[in-house]
Amino acid sequence: IDLHADMDGFDLAKEIRNFDSRGFI
């Protein structure tokens, strides 16, 4: 979750959901 970047784990997961709606997170 804490990736020390502009995008944290939650933001990354939201981006993933844009192209992989059924992926396992």
PDBML (XML) file of the C-alpha atoms, coordinates in Angstrom:
<?xml version="1.0" encoding="UTF-8" ?>
<PDBx:datablock datablockName="MODEL"
   xmlns:PDBx="http://pdbml.pdb.org/schema/pdbx-v50.xsd"
   xmlns:xsi="http://www.w3.org/2001/XMLSchema-instance"
   xsi:schemaLocation="http://pdbml.pdb.org/schema/pdbx-v50.xsd pdbx-v50.xsd">
   <PDBx:atom_siteCategory>
      <PDBx:atom_site id="1">
         <PDBx:B_iso_or_equiv>0.00</PDBx:B_iso_or_equiv>
         <PDBx:Cartn_x>0.000</PDBx:Cartn_x>
         <PDBx:Cartn_y>0.000</PDBx:Cartn_y>
         <PDBx:Cartn_z>0.000</PDBx:Cartn_z>
         <PDBx:auth_asym_id>A</PDBx:auth_asym_id>
         <PDBx:auth_atom_id>CA</PDBx:auth_atom_id>
         <PDBx:auth_comp_id>ILE</PDBx:auth_comp_id>
         <PDBx:auth_seq_id>1</PDBx:auth_seq_id>
         <PDBx:group_PDB>ATOM</PDBx:group_PDB>
         <PDBx:label_alt_id xsi:nil="true" />
         <PDBx:label_asym_id>A</PDBx:label_asym_id>
         <PDBx:label_atom_id>CA</PDBx:label_atom_id>
         <PDBx:label_comp_id>ILE</PDBx:label_comp_id>
         <PDBx:label_entity_id>1</PDBx:label_entity_id>
         <PDBx:label_seq_id>1</PDBx:label_seq_id>
         <PDBx:occupancy>1.00</PDBx:occupancy>
         <PDBx:pdbx_PDB_model_num>1</PDBx:pdbx_PDB_model_num>
         <PDBx:type_symbol>C</PDBx:type_symbol>
      </PDBx:atom_site>
      <PDBx:atom_site id="2">
         <PDBx:B_iso_or_equiv>0.00</PDBx:B_iso_or_equiv>
         <PDBx:Cartn_x>2.742</PDBx:Cartn_x>
         <PDBx:Cartn_y>2.470</PDBx:Cartn_y>
         <PDBx:Cartn_z>0.943</PDBx:Cartn_z>
         <PDBx:auth_asym_id>A</PDBx:auth_asym_id>
         <PDBx:auth_atom_id>CA</PDBx:auth_atom_id>
         <PDBx:auth_comp_id>ASP</PDBx:auth_comp_id>
         <PDBx:auth_seq_id>2</PDBx:auth_seq_id>
         <PDBx:group_PDB>ATOM</PDBx:group_PDB>
         <PDBx:label_alt_id xsi:nil="true" />
         <PDBx:label_asym_id>A</PDBx:label_asym_id>
         <PDBx:label_atom_id>CA</PDBx:label_atom_id>
         <PDBx:label_comp_id>ASP</PDBx:label_comp_id>
         <PDBx:label_entity_id>1</PDBx:label_entity_id>
         <PDBx:label_seq_id>2</PDBx:label_seq_id>
         <PDBx:occupancy>1.00</PDBx:occupancy>
         <PDBx:pdbx_PDB_model_num>1</PDBx:pdbx_PDB_model_num>
         <PDBx:type_symbol>C</PDBx:type_symbol>
      </PDBx:atom_site>
      <PDBx:atom_site id="3">
         <PDBx:B_iso_or_equiv>0.00</PDBx:B_iso_or_equiv>
         <PDBx:Cartn_x>4.831</PDBx:Cartn_x>
         <PDBx:Cartn_y>2.576</PDBx:Cartn_y>
         <PDBx:Cartn_z>-2.236</PDBx:Cartn_z>
         <PDBx:auth_asym_id>A</PDBx:auth_asym_id>
         <PDBx:auth_atom_id>CA</PDBx:auth_atom_id>
         <PDBx:auth_comp_id>LEU</PDBx:auth_comp_id>
         <PDBx:auth_seq_id>3</PDBx:auth_seq_id>
         <PDBx:group_PDB>ATOM</PDBx:group_PDB>
         <PDBx:label_alt_id xsi:nil="true" />
         <PDBx:label_asym_id>A</PDBx:label_asym_id>
         <PDBx:label_atom_id>CA</PDBx:label_atom_id>
         <PDBx:label_comp_id>LEU</PDBx:label_comp_id>
         <PDBx:label_entity_id>1</PDBx:label_entity_id>
         <PDBx:label_seq_id>3</PDBx:label_seq_id>
         <PDBx:occupancy>1.00</PDBx:occupancy>
         <PDBx:pdbx_PDB_model_num>1</PDBx:pdbx_PDB_model_num>
         <PDBx:type_symbol>C</PDBx:type_symbol>
      </PDBx:atom_site>
      <PDBx:atom_site id="4">
         <PDBx:B_iso_or_equiv>0.00</PDBx:B_iso_or_equiv>
         <PDBx:Cartn_x>6.566</PDBx:Cartn_x>
         <PDBx:Cartn_y>5.932</PDBx:Cartn_y>
         <PDBx:Cartn_z>-1.588</PDBx:Cartn_z>
         <PDBx:auth_asym_id>A</PDBx:auth_asym_id>
         <PDBx:auth_atom_id>CA</PDBx:auth_atom_id>
         <PDBx:auth_comp_id>HIS</PDBx:auth_comp_id>
         <PDBx:auth_seq_id>4</PDBx:auth_seq_id>
         <PDBx:group_PDB>ATOM</PDBx:group_PDB>
         <PDBx:label_alt_id xsi:nil="true" />
         <PDBx:label_asym_id>A</PDBx:label_asym_id>
         <PDBx:label_atom_id>CA</PDBx:label_atom_id>
         <PDBx:label_comp_id>HIS</PDBx:label_comp_id>
         <PDBx:label_entity_id>1</PDBx:label_entity_id>
         <PDBx:label_seq_id>4</PDBx:label_seq_id>
         <PDBx:occupancy>1.00</PDBx:occupancy>
         <PDBx:pdbx_PDB_model_num>1</PDBx:pdbx_PDB_model_num>
         <PDBx:type_symbol>C</PDBx:type_symbol>
      </PDBx:atom_site>
      <PDBx:atom_site id="5">
         <PDBx:B_iso_or_equiv>0.00</PDBx:B_iso_or_equiv>
         <PDBx:Cartn_x>5.466</PDBx:Cartn_x>
         <PDBx:Cartn_y>7.116</PDBx:Cartn_y>
         <PDBx:Cartn_z>-5.006</PDBx:Cartn_z>
         <PDBx:auth_asym_id>A</PDBx:auth_asym_id>
         <PDBx:auth_atom_id>CA</PDBx:auth_atom_id>
         <PDBx:auth_comp_id>ALA</PDBx:auth_comp_id>
         <PDBx:auth_seq_id>5</PDBx:auth_seq_id>
         <PDBx:group_PDB>ATOM</PDBx:group_PDB>
         <PDBx:label_alt_id xsi:nil="true" />
         <PDBx:label_asym_id>A</PDBx:label_asym_id>
         <PDBx:label_atom_id>CA</PDBx:label_atom_id>
         <PDBx:label_comp_id>ALA</PDBx:label_comp_id>
         <PDBx:label_entity_id>1</PDBx:label_entity_id>
         <PDBx:label_seq_id>5</PDBx:label_seq_id>
         <PDBx:occupancy>1.00</PDBx:occupancy>
         <PDBx:pdbx_PDB_model_num>1</PDBx:pdbx_PDB_model_num>
         <PDBx:type_symbol>C</PDBx:type_symbol>
      </PDBx:atom_site>
      <PDBx:atom_site id="6">
         <PDBx:B_iso_or_equiv>0.00</PDBx:B_iso_or_equiv>
         <PDBx:Cartn_x>2.922</PDBx:Cartn_x>
         <PDBx:Cartn_y>9.480</PDBx:Cartn_y>
         <PDBx:Cartn_z>-6.525</PDBx:Cartn_z>
         <PDBx:auth_asym_id>A</PDBx:auth_asym_id>
         <PDBx:auth_atom_id>CA</PDBx:auth_atom_id>
         <PDBx:auth_comp_id>ASP</PDBx:auth_comp_id>
         <PDBx:auth_seq_id>6</PDBx:auth_seq_id>
         <PDBx:group_PDB>ATOM</PDBx:group_PDB>
         <PDBx:label_alt_id xsi:nil="true" />
         <PDBx:label_asym_id>A</PDBx:label_asym_id>
         <PDBx:label_atom_id>CA</PDBx:label_atom_id>
         <PDBx:label_comp_id>ASP</PDBx:label_comp_id>
         <PDBx:label_entity_id>1</PDBx:label_entity_id>
         <PDBx:label_seq_id>6</PDBx:label_seq_id>
         <PDBx:occupancy>1.00</PDBx:occupancy>
         <PDBx:pdbx_PDB_model_num>1</PDBx:pdbx_PDB_model_num>
         <PDBx:type_symbol>C</PDBx:type_symbol>
      </PDBx:atom_site>
      <PDBx:atom_site id="7">
         <PDBx:B_iso_or_equiv>0.00</PDBx:B_iso_or_equiv>
         <PDBx:Cartn_x>0.560</PDBx:Cartn_x>
         <PDBx:Cartn_y>6.500</PDBx:Cartn_y>
         <PDBx:Cartn_z>-6.581</PDBx:Cartn_z>
         <PDBx:auth_asym_id>A</PDBx:auth_asym_id>
         <PDBx:auth_atom_id>CA</PDBx:auth_atom_id>
         <PDBx:auth_comp_id>MET</PDBx:auth_comp_id>
         <PDBx:auth_seq_id>7</PDBx:auth_seq_id>
         <PDBx:group_PDB>ATOM</PDBx:group_PDB>
         <PDBx:label_alt_id xsi:nil="true" />
         <PDBx:label_asym_id>A</PDBx:label_asym_id>
         <PDBx:label_atom_id>CA</PDBx:label_atom_id>
         <PDBx:label_comp_id>MET</PDBx:label_comp_id>
         <PDBx:label_entity_id>1</PDBx:label_entity_id>
         <PDBx:label_seq_id>7</PDBx:label_seq_id>
         <PDBx:occupancy>1.00</PDBx:occupancy>
         <PDBx:pdbx_PDB_model_num>1</PDBx:pdbx_PDB_model_num>
         <PDBx:type_symbol>C</PDBx:type_symbol>
      </PDBx:atom_site>
      <PDBx:atom_site id="8">
         <PDBx:B_iso_or_equiv>0.00</PDBx:B_iso_or_equiv>
         <PDBx:Cartn_x>-0.113</PDBx:Cartn_x>
         <PDBx:Cartn_y>4.362</PDBx:Cartn_y>
         <PDBx:Cartn_z>-3.504</PDBx:Cartn_z>
         <PDBx:auth_asym_id>A</PDBx:auth_asym_id>
         <PDBx:auth_atom_id>CA</PDBx:auth_atom_id>
         <PDBx:auth_comp_id>ASP</PDBx:auth_comp_id>
         <PDBx:auth_seq_id>8</PDBx:auth_seq_id>
         <PDBx:group_PDB>ATOM</PDBx:group_PDB>
         <PDBx:label_alt_id xsi:nil="true" />
         <PDBx:label_asym_id>A</PDBx:label_asym_id>
         <PDBx:label_atom_id>CA</PDBx:label_atom_id>
         <PDBx:label_comp_id>ASP</PDBx:label_comp_id>
         <PDBx:label_entity_id>1</PDBx:label_entity_id>
         <PDBx:label_seq_id>8</PDBx:label_seq_id>
         <PDBx:occupancy>1.00</PDBx:occupancy>
         <PDBx:pdbx_PDB_model_num>1</PDBx:pdbx_PDB_model_num>
         <PDBx:type_symbol>C</PDBx:type_symbol>
      </PDBx:atom_site>
      <PDBx:atom_site id="9">
         <PDBx:B_iso_or_equiv>0.00</PDBx:B_iso_or_equiv>
         <PDBx:Cartn_x>-1.413</PDBx:Cartn_x>
         <PDBx:Cartn_y>0.790</PDBx:Cartn_y>
         <PDBx:Cartn_z>-3.531</PDBx:Cartn_z>
         <PDBx:auth_asym_id>A</PDBx:auth_asym_id>
         <PDBx:auth_atom_id>CA</PDBx:auth_atom_id>
         <PDBx:auth_comp_id>GLY</PDBx:auth_comp_id>
         <PDBx:auth_seq_id>9</PDBx:auth_seq_id>
         <PDBx:group_PDB>ATOM</PDBx:group_PDB>
         <PDBx:label_alt_id xsi:nil="true" />
         <PDBx:label_asym_id>A</PDBx:label_asym_id>
         <PDBx:label_atom_id>CA</PDBx:label_atom_id>
         <PDBx:label_comp_id>GLY</PDBx:label_comp_id>
         <PDBx:label_entity_id>1</PDBx:label_entity_id>
         <PDBx:label_seq_id>9</PDBx:label_seq_id>
         <PDBx:occupancy>1.00</PDBx:occupancy>
         <PDBx:pdbx_PDB_model_num>1</PDBx:pdbx_PDB_model_num>
         <PDBx:type_symbol>C</PDBx:type_symbol>
      </PDBx:atom_site>
      <PDBx:atom_site id="10">
         <PDBx:B_iso_or_equiv>0.00</PDBx:B_iso_or_equiv>
         <PDBx:Cartn_x>-5.051</PDBx:Cartn_x>
         <PDBx:Cartn_y>1.872</PDBx:Cartn_y>
         <PDBx:Cartn_z>-3.523</PDBx:Cartn_z>
         <PDBx:auth_asym_id>A</PDBx:auth_asym_id>
         <PDBx:auth_atom_id>CA</PDBx:auth_atom_id>
         <PDBx:auth_comp_id>PHE</PDBx:auth_comp_id>
         <PDBx:auth_seq_id>10</PDBx:auth_seq_id>
         <PDBx:group_PDB>ATOM</PDBx:group_PDB>
         <PDBx:label_alt_id xsi:nil="true" />
         <PDBx:label_asym_id>A</PDBx:label_asym_id>
         <PDBx:label_atom_id>CA</PDBx:label_atom_id>
         <PDBx:label_comp_id>PHE</PDBx:label_comp_id>
         <PDBx:label_entity_id>1</PDBx:label_entity_id>
         <PDBx:label_seq_id>10</PDBx:label_seq_id>
         <PDBx:occupancy>1.00</PDBx:occupancy>
         <PDBx:pdbx_PDB_model_num>1</PDBx:pdbx_PDB_model_num>
         <PDBx:type_symbol>C</PDBx:type_symbol>
      </PDBx:atom_site>
      <PDBx:atom_site id="11">
         <PDBx:B_iso_or_equiv>0.00</PDBx:B_iso_or_equiv>
         <PDBx:Cartn_x>-4.527</PDBx:Cartn_x>
         <PDBx:Cartn_y>4.230</PDBx:Cartn_y>
         <PDBx:Cartn_z>-6.463</PDBx:Cartn_z>
         <PDBx:auth_asym_id>A</PDBx:auth_asym_id>
         <PDBx:auth_atom_id>CA</PDBx:auth_atom_id>
         <PDBx:auth_comp_id>ASP</PDBx:auth_comp_id>
         <PDBx:auth_seq_id>11</PDBx:auth_seq_id>
         <PDBx:group_PDB>ATOM</PDBx:group_PDB>
         <PDBx:label_alt_id xsi:nil="true" />
         <PDBx:label_asym_id>A</PDBx:label_asym_id>
         <PDBx:label_atom_id>CA</PDBx:label_atom_id>
         <PDBx:label_comp_id>ASP</PDBx:label_comp_id>
         <PDBx:label_entity_id>1</PDBx:label_entity_id>
         <PDBx:label_seq_id>11</PDBx:label_seq_id>
         <PDBx:occupancy>1.00</PDBx:occupancy>
         <PDBx:pdbx_PDB_model_num>1</PDBx:pdbx_PDB_model_num>
         <PDBx:type_symbol>C</PDBx:type_symbol>
      </PDBx:atom_site>
      <PDBx:atom_site id="12">
         <PDBx:B_iso_or_equiv>0.00</PDBx:B_iso_or_equiv>
         <PDBx:Cartn_x>-2.656</PDBx:Cartn_x>
         <PDBx:Cartn_y>1.471</PDBx:Cartn_y>
         <PDBx:Cartn_z>-8.289</PDBx:Cartn_z>
         <PDBx:auth_asym_id>A</PDBx:auth_asym_id>
         <PDBx:auth_atom_id>CA</PDBx:auth_atom_id>
         <PDBx:auth_comp_id>LEU</PDBx:auth_comp_id>
         <PDBx:auth_seq_id>12</PDBx:auth_seq_id>
         <PDBx:group_PDB>ATOM</PDBx:group_PDB>
         <PDBx:label_alt_id xsi:nil="true" />
         <PDBx:label_asym_id>A</PDBx:label_asym_id>
         <PDBx:label_atom_id>CA</PDBx:label_atom_id>
         <PDBx:label_comp_id>LEU</PDBx:label_comp_id>
         <PDBx:label_entity_id>1</PDBx:label_entity_id>
         <PDBx:label_seq_id>12</PDBx:label_seq_id>
         <PDBx:occupancy>1.00</PDBx:occupancy>
         <PDBx:pdbx_PDB_model_num>1</PDBx:pdbx_PDB_model_num>
         <PDBx:type_symbol>C</PDBx:type_symbol>
      </PDBx:atom_site>
      <PDBx:atom_site id="13">
         <PDBx:B_iso_or_equiv>0.00</PDBx:B_iso_or_equiv>
         <PDBx:Cartn_x>-5.508</PDBx:Cartn_x>
         <PDBx:Cartn_y>-0.964</PDBx:Cartn_y>
         <PDBx:Cartn_z>-7.670</PDBx:Cartn_z>
         <PDBx:auth_asym_id>A</PDBx:auth_asym_id>
         <PDBx:auth_atom_id>CA</PDBx:auth_atom_id>
         <PDBx:auth_comp_id>ALA</PDBx:auth_comp_id>
         <PDBx:auth_seq_id>13</PDBx:auth_seq_id>
         <PDBx:group_PDB>ATOM</PDBx:group_PDB>
         <PDBx:label_alt_id xsi:nil="true" />
         <PDBx:label_asym_id>A</PDBx:label_asym_id>
         <PDBx:label_atom_id>CA</PDBx:label_atom_id>
         <PDBx:label_comp_id>ALA</PDBx:label_comp_id>
         <PDBx:label_entity_id>1</PDBx:label_entity_id>
         <PDBx:label_seq_id>13</PDBx:label_seq_id>
         <PDBx:occupancy>1.00</PDBx:occupancy>
         <PDBx:pdbx_PDB_model_num>1</PDBx:pdbx_PDB_model_num>
         <PDBx:type_symbol>C</PDBx:type_symbol>
      </PDBx:atom_site>
      <PDBx:atom_site id="14">
         <PDBx:B_iso_or_equiv>0.00</PDBx:B_iso_or_equiv>
         <PDBx:Cartn_x>-8.006</PDBx:Cartn_x>
         <PDBx:Cartn_y>1.537</PDBx:Cartn_y>
         <PDBx:Cartn_z>-9.096</PDBx:Cartn_z>
         <PDBx:auth_asym_id>A</PDBx:auth_asym_id>
         <PDBx:auth_atom_id>CA</PDBx:auth_atom_id>
         <PDBx:auth_comp_id>LYS</PDBx:auth_comp_id>
         <PDBx:auth_seq_id>14</PDBx:auth_seq_id>
         <PDBx:group_PDB>ATOM</PDBx:group_PDB>
         <PDBx:label_alt_id xsi:nil="true" />
         <PDBx:label_asym_id>A</PDBx:label_asym_id>
         <PDBx:label_atom_id>CA</PDBx:label_atom_id>
         <PDBx:label_comp_id>LYS</PDBx:label_comp_id>
         <PDBx:label_entity_id>1</PDBx:label_entity_id>
         <PDBx:label_seq_id>14</PDBx:label_seq_id>
         <PDBx:occupancy>1.00</PDBx:occupancy>
         <PDBx:pdbx_PDB_model_num>1</PDBx:pdbx_PDB_model_num>
         <PDBx:type_symbol>C</PDBx:type_symbol>
      </PDBx:atom_site>
      <PDBx:atom_site id="15">
         <PDBx:B_iso_or_equiv>0.00</PDBx:B_iso_or_equiv>
         <PDBx:Cartn_x>-5.867</PDBx:Cartn_x>
         <PDBx:Cartn_y>1.846</PDBx:Cartn_y>
         <PDBx:Cartn_z>-12.243</PDBx:Cartn_z>
         <PDBx:auth_asym_id>A</PDBx:auth_asym_id>
         <PDBx:auth_atom_id>CA</PDBx:auth_atom_id>
         <PDBx:auth_comp_id>GLU</PDBx:auth_comp_id>
         <PDBx:auth_seq_id>15</PDBx:auth_seq_id>
         <PDBx:group_PDB>ATOM</PDBx:group_PDB>
         <PDBx:label_alt_id xsi:nil="true" />
         <PDBx:label_asym_id>A</PDBx:label_asym_id>
         <PDBx:label_atom_id>CA</PDBx:label_atom_id>
         <PDBx:label_comp_id>GLU</PDBx:label_comp_id>
         <PDBx:label_entity_id>1</PDBx:label_entity_id>
         <PDBx:label_seq_id>15</PDBx:label_seq_id>
         <PDBx:occupancy>1.00</PDBx:occupancy>
         <PDBx:pdbx_PDB_model_num>1</PDBx:pdbx_PDB_model_num>
         <PDBx:type_symbol>C</PDBx:type_symbol>
      </PDBx:atom_site>
      <PDBx:atom_site id="16">
         <PDBx:B_iso_or_equiv>0.00</PDBx:B_iso_or_equiv>
         <PDBx:Cartn_x>-5.719</PDBx:Cartn_x>
         <PDBx:Cartn_y>-1.947</PDBx:Cartn_y>
         <PDBx:Cartn_z>-12.526</PDBx:Cartn_z>
         <PDBx:auth_asym_id>A</PDBx:auth_asym_id>
         <PDBx:auth_atom_id>CA</PDBx:auth_atom_id>
         <PDBx:auth_comp_id>ILE</PDBx:auth_comp_id>
         <PDBx:auth_seq_id>16</PDBx:auth_seq_id>
         <PDBx:group_PDB>ATOM</PDBx:group_PDB>
         <PDBx:label_alt_id xsi:nil="true" />
         <PDBx:label_asym_id>A</PDBx:label_asym_id>
         <PDBx:label_atom_id>CA</PDBx:label_atom_id>
         <PDBx:label_comp_id>ILE</PDBx:label_comp_id>
         <PDBx:label_entity_id>1</PDBx:label_entity_id>
         <PDBx:label_seq_id>16</PDBx:label_seq_id>
         <PDBx:occupancy>1.00</PDBx:occupancy>
         <PDBx:pdbx_PDB_model_num>1</PDBx:pdbx_PDB_model_num>
         <PDBx:type_symbol>C</PDBx:type_symbol>
      </PDBx:atom_site>
      <PDBx:atom_site id="17">
         <PDBx:B_iso_or_equiv>0.00</PDBx:B_iso_or_equiv>
         <PDBx:Cartn_x>-9.507</PDBx:Cartn_x>
         <PDBx:Cartn_y>-2.139</PDBx:Cartn_y>
         <PDBx:Cartn_z>-12.328</PDBx:Cartn_z>
         <PDBx:auth_asym_id>A</PDBx:auth_asym_id>
         <PDBx:auth_atom_id>CA</PDBx:auth_atom_id>
         <PDBx:auth_comp_id>ARG</PDBx:auth_comp_id>
         <PDBx:auth_seq_id>17</PDBx:auth_seq_id>
         <PDBx:group_PDB>ATOM</PDBx:group_PDB>
         <PDBx:label_alt_id xsi:nil="true" />
         <PDBx:label_asym_id>A</PDBx:label_asym_id>
         <PDBx:label_atom_id>CA</PDBx:label_atom_id>
         <PDBx:label_comp_id>ARG</PDBx:label_comp_id>
         <PDBx:label_entity_id>1</PDBx:label_entity_id>
         <PDBx:label_seq_id>17</PDBx:label_seq_id>
         <PDBx:occupancy>1.00</PDBx:occupancy>
         <PDBx:pdbx_PDB_model_num>1</PDBx:pdbx_PDB_model_num>
         <PDBx:type_symbol>C</PDBx:type_symbol>
      </PDBx:atom_site>
      <PDBx:atom_site id="18">
         <PDBx:B_iso_or_equiv>0.00</PDBx:B_iso_or_equiv>
         <PDBx:Cartn_x>-9.713</PDBx:Cartn_x>
         <PDBx:Cartn_y>0.055</PDBx:Cartn_y>
         <PDBx:Cartn_z>-15.454</PDBx:Cartn_z>
         <PDBx:auth_asym_id>A</PDBx:auth_asym_id>
         <PDBx:auth_atom_id>CA</PDBx:auth_atom_id>
         <PDBx:auth_comp_id>ASN</PDBx:auth_comp_id>
         <PDBx:auth_seq_id>18</PDBx:auth_seq_id>
         <PDBx:group_PDB>ATOM</PDBx:group_PDB>
         <PDBx:label_alt_id xsi:nil="true" />
         <PDBx:label_asym_id>A</PDBx:label_asym_id>
         <PDBx:label_atom_id>CA</PDBx:label_atom_id>
         <PDBx:label_comp_id>ASN</PDBx:label_comp_id>
         <PDBx:label_entity_id>1</PDBx:label_entity_id>
         <PDBx:label_seq_id>18</PDBx:label_seq_id>
         <PDBx:occupancy>1.00</PDBx:occupancy>
         <PDBx:pdbx_PDB_model_num>1</PDBx:pdbx_PDB_model_num>
         <PDBx:type_symbol>C</PDBx:type_symbol>
      </PDBx:atom_site>
      <PDBx:atom_site id="19">
         <PDBx:B_iso_or_equiv>0.00</PDBx:B_iso_or_equiv>
         <PDBx:Cartn_x>-8.338</PDBx:Cartn_x>
         <PDBx:Cartn_y>-2.769</PDBx:Cartn_y>
         <PDBx:Cartn_z>-17.624</PDBx:Cartn_z>
         <PDBx:auth_asym_id>A</PDBx:auth_asym_id>
         <PDBx:auth_atom_id>CA</PDBx:auth_atom_id>
         <PDBx:auth_comp_id>PHE</PDBx:auth_comp_id>
         <PDBx:auth_seq_id>19</PDBx:auth_seq_id>
         <PDBx:group_PDB>ATOM</PDBx:group_PDB>
         <PDBx:label_alt_id xsi:nil="true" />
         <PDBx:label_asym_id>A</PDBx:label_asym_id>
         <PDBx:label_atom_id>CA</PDBx:label_atom_id>
         <PDBx:label_comp_id>PHE</PDBx:label_comp_id>
         <PDBx:label_entity_id>1</PDBx:label_entity_id>
         <PDBx:label_seq_id>19</PDBx:label_seq_id>
         <PDBx:occupancy>1.00</PDBx:occupancy>
         <PDBx:pdbx_PDB_model_num>1</PDBx:pdbx_PDB_model_num>
         <PDBx:type_symbol>C</PDBx:type_symbol>
      </PDBx:atom_site>
      <PDBx:atom_site id="20">
         <PDBx:B_iso_or_equiv>0.00</PDBx:B_iso_or_equiv>
         <PDBx:Cartn_x>-8.715</PDBx:Cartn_x>
         <PDBx:Cartn_y>-5.874</PDBx:Cartn_y>
         <PDBx:Cartn_z>-15.441</PDBx:Cartn_z>
         <PDBx:auth_asym_id>A</PDBx:auth_asym_id>
         <PDBx:auth_atom_id>CA</PDBx:auth_atom_id>
         <PDBx:auth_comp_id>ASP</PDBx:auth_comp_id>
         <PDBx:auth_seq_id>20</PDBx:auth_seq_id>
         <PDBx:group_PDB>ATOM</PDBx:group_PDB>
         <PDBx:label_alt_id xsi:nil="true" />
         <PDBx:label_asym_id>A</PDBx:label_asym_id>
         <PDBx:label_atom_id>CA</PDBx:label_atom_id>
         <PDBx:label_comp_id>ASP</PDBx:label_comp_id>
         <PDBx:label_entity_id>1</PDBx:label_entity_id>
         <PDBx:label_seq_id>20</PDBx:label_seq_id>
         <PDBx:occupancy>1.00</PDBx:occupancy>
         <PDBx:pdbx_PDB_model_num>1</PDBx:pdbx_PDB_model_num>
         <PDBx:type_symbol>C</PDBx:type_symbol>
      </PDBx:atom_site>
      <PDBx:atom_site id="21">
         <PDBx:B_iso_or_equiv>0.00</PDBx:B_iso_or_equiv>
         <PDBx:Cartn_x>-12.109</PDBx:Cartn_x>
         <PDBx:Cartn_y>-5.683</PDBx:Cartn_y>
         <PDBx:Cartn_z>-13.774</PDBx:Cartn_z>
         <PDBx:auth_asym_id>A</PDBx:auth_asym_id>
         <PDBx:auth_atom_id>CA</PDBx:auth_atom_id>
         <PDBx:auth_comp_id>SER</PDBx:auth_comp_id>
         <PDBx:auth_seq_id>21</PDBx:auth_seq_id>
         <PDBx:group_PDB>ATOM</PDBx:group_PDB>
         <PDBx:label_alt_id xsi:nil="true" />
         <PDBx:label_asym_id>A</PDBx:label_asym_id>
         <PDBx:label_atom_id>CA</PDBx:label_atom_id>
         <PDBx:label_comp_id>SER</PDBx:label_comp_id>
         <PDBx:label_entity_id>1</PDBx:label_entity_id>
         <PDBx:label_seq_id>21</PDBx:label_seq_id>
         <PDBx:occupancy>1.00</PDBx:occupancy>
         <PDBx:pdbx_PDB_model_num>1</PDBx:pdbx_PDB_model_num>
         <PDBx:type_symbol>C</PDBx:type_symbol>
      </PDBx:atom_site>
      <PDBx:atom_site id="22">
         <PDBx:B_iso_or_equiv>0.00</PDBx:B_iso_or_equiv>
         <PDBx:Cartn_x>-12.012</PDBx:Cartn_x>
         <PDBx:Cartn_y>-9.336</PDBx:Cartn_y>
         <PDBx:Cartn_z>-12.698</PDBx:Cartn_z>
         <PDBx:auth_asym_id>A</PDBx:auth_asym_id>
         <PDBx:auth_atom_id>CA</PDBx:auth_atom_id>
         <PDBx:auth_comp_id>ARG</PDBx:auth_comp_id>
         <PDBx:auth_seq_id>22</PDBx:auth_seq_id>
         <PDBx:group_PDB>ATOM</PDBx:group_PDB>
         <PDBx:label_alt_id xsi:nil="true" />
         <PDBx:label_asym_id>A</PDBx:label_asym_id>
         <PDBx:label_atom_id>CA</PDBx:label_atom_id>
         <PDBx:label_comp_id>ARG</PDBx:label_comp_id>
         <PDBx:label_entity_id>1</PDBx:label_entity_id>
         <PDBx:label_seq_id>22</PDBx:label_seq_id>
         <PDBx:occupancy>1.00</PDBx:occupancy>
         <PDBx:pdbx_PDB_model_num>1</PDBx:pdbx_PDB_model_num>
         <PDBx:type_symbol>C</PDBx:type_symbol>
      </PDBx:atom_site>
      <PDBx:atom_site id="23">
         <PDBx:B_iso_or_equiv>0.00</PDBx:B_iso_or_equiv>
         <PDBx:Cartn_x>-8.414</PDBx:Cartn_x>
         <PDBx:Cartn_y>-9.521</PDBx:Cartn_y>
         <PDBx:Cartn_z>-11.491</PDBx:Cartn_z>
         <PDBx:auth_asym_id>A</PDBx:auth_asym_id>
         <PDBx:auth_atom_id>CA</PDBx:auth_atom_id>
         <PDBx:auth_comp_id>GLY</PDBx:auth_comp_id>
         <PDBx:auth_seq_id>23</PDBx:auth_seq_id>
         <PDBx:group_PDB>ATOM</PDBx:group_PDB>
         <PDBx:label_alt_id xsi:nil="true" />
         <PDBx:label_asym_id>A</PDBx:label_asym_id>
         <PDBx:label_atom_id>CA</PDBx:label_atom_id>
         <PDBx:label_comp_id>GLY</PDBx:label_comp_id>
         <PDBx:label_entity_id>1</PDBx:label_entity_id>
         <PDBx:label_seq_id>23</PDBx:label_seq_id>
         <PDBx:occupancy>1.00</PDBx:occupancy>
         <PDBx:pdbx_PDB_model_num>1</PDBx:pdbx_PDB_model_num>
         <PDBx:type_symbol>C</PDBx:type_symbol>
      </PDBx:atom_site>
      <PDBx:atom_site id="24">
         <PDBx:B_iso_or_equiv>0.00</PDBx:B_iso_or_equiv>
         <PDBx:Cartn_x>-7.531</PDBx:Cartn_x>
         <PDBx:Cartn_y>-10.773</PDBx:Cartn_y>
         <PDBx:Cartn_z>-8.005</PDBx:Cartn_z>
         <PDBx:auth_asym_id>A</PDBx:auth_asym_id>
         <PDBx:auth_atom_id>CA</PDBx:auth_atom_id>
         <PDBx:auth_comp_id>PHE</PDBx:auth_comp_id>
         <PDBx:auth_seq_id>24</PDBx:auth_seq_id>
         <PDBx:group_PDB>ATOM</PDBx:group_PDB>
         <PDBx:label_alt_id xsi:nil="true" />
         <PDBx:label_asym_id>A</PDBx:label_asym_id>
         <PDBx:label_atom_id>CA</PDBx:label_atom_id>
         <PDBx:label_comp_id>PHE</PDBx:label_comp_id>
         <PDBx:label_entity_id>1</PDBx:label_entity_id>
         <PDBx:label_seq_id>24</PDBx:label_seq_id>
         <PDBx:occupancy>1.00</PDBx:occupancy>
         <PDBx:pdbx_PDB_model_num>1</PDBx:pdbx_PDB_model_num>
         <PDBx:type_symbol>C</PDBx:type_symbol>
      </PDBx:atom_site>
      <PDBx:atom_site id="25">
         <PDBx:B_iso_or_equiv>0.00</PDBx:B_iso_or_equiv>
         <PDBx:Cartn_x>-5.998</PDBx:Cartn_x>
         <PDBx:Cartn_y>-8.098</PDBx:Cartn_y>
         <PDBx:Cartn_z>-5.763</PDBx:Cartn_z>
         <PDBx:auth_asym_id>A</PDBx:auth_asym_id>
         <PDBx:auth_atom_id>CA</PDBx:auth_atom_id>
         <PDBx:auth_comp_id>ILE</PDBx:auth_comp_id>
         <PDBx:auth_seq_id>25</PDBx:auth_seq_id>
         <PDBx:group_PDB>ATOM</PDBx:group_PDB>
         <PDBx:label_alt_id xsi:nil="true" />
         <PDBx:label_asym_id>A</PDBx:label_asym_id>
         <PDBx:label_atom_id>CA</PDBx:label_atom_id>
         <PDBx:label_comp_id>ILE</PDBx:label_comp_id>
         <PDBx:label_entity_id>1</PDBx:label_entity_id>
         <PDBx:label_seq_id>25</PDBx:label_seq_id>
         <PDBx:occupancy>1.00</PDBx:occupancy>
         <PDBx:pdbx_PDB_model_num>1</PDBx:pdbx_PDB_model_num>
         <PDBx:type_symbol>C</PDBx:type_symbol>
      </PDBx:atom_site>
   </PDBx:atom_siteCategory>
</PDBx:datablock>
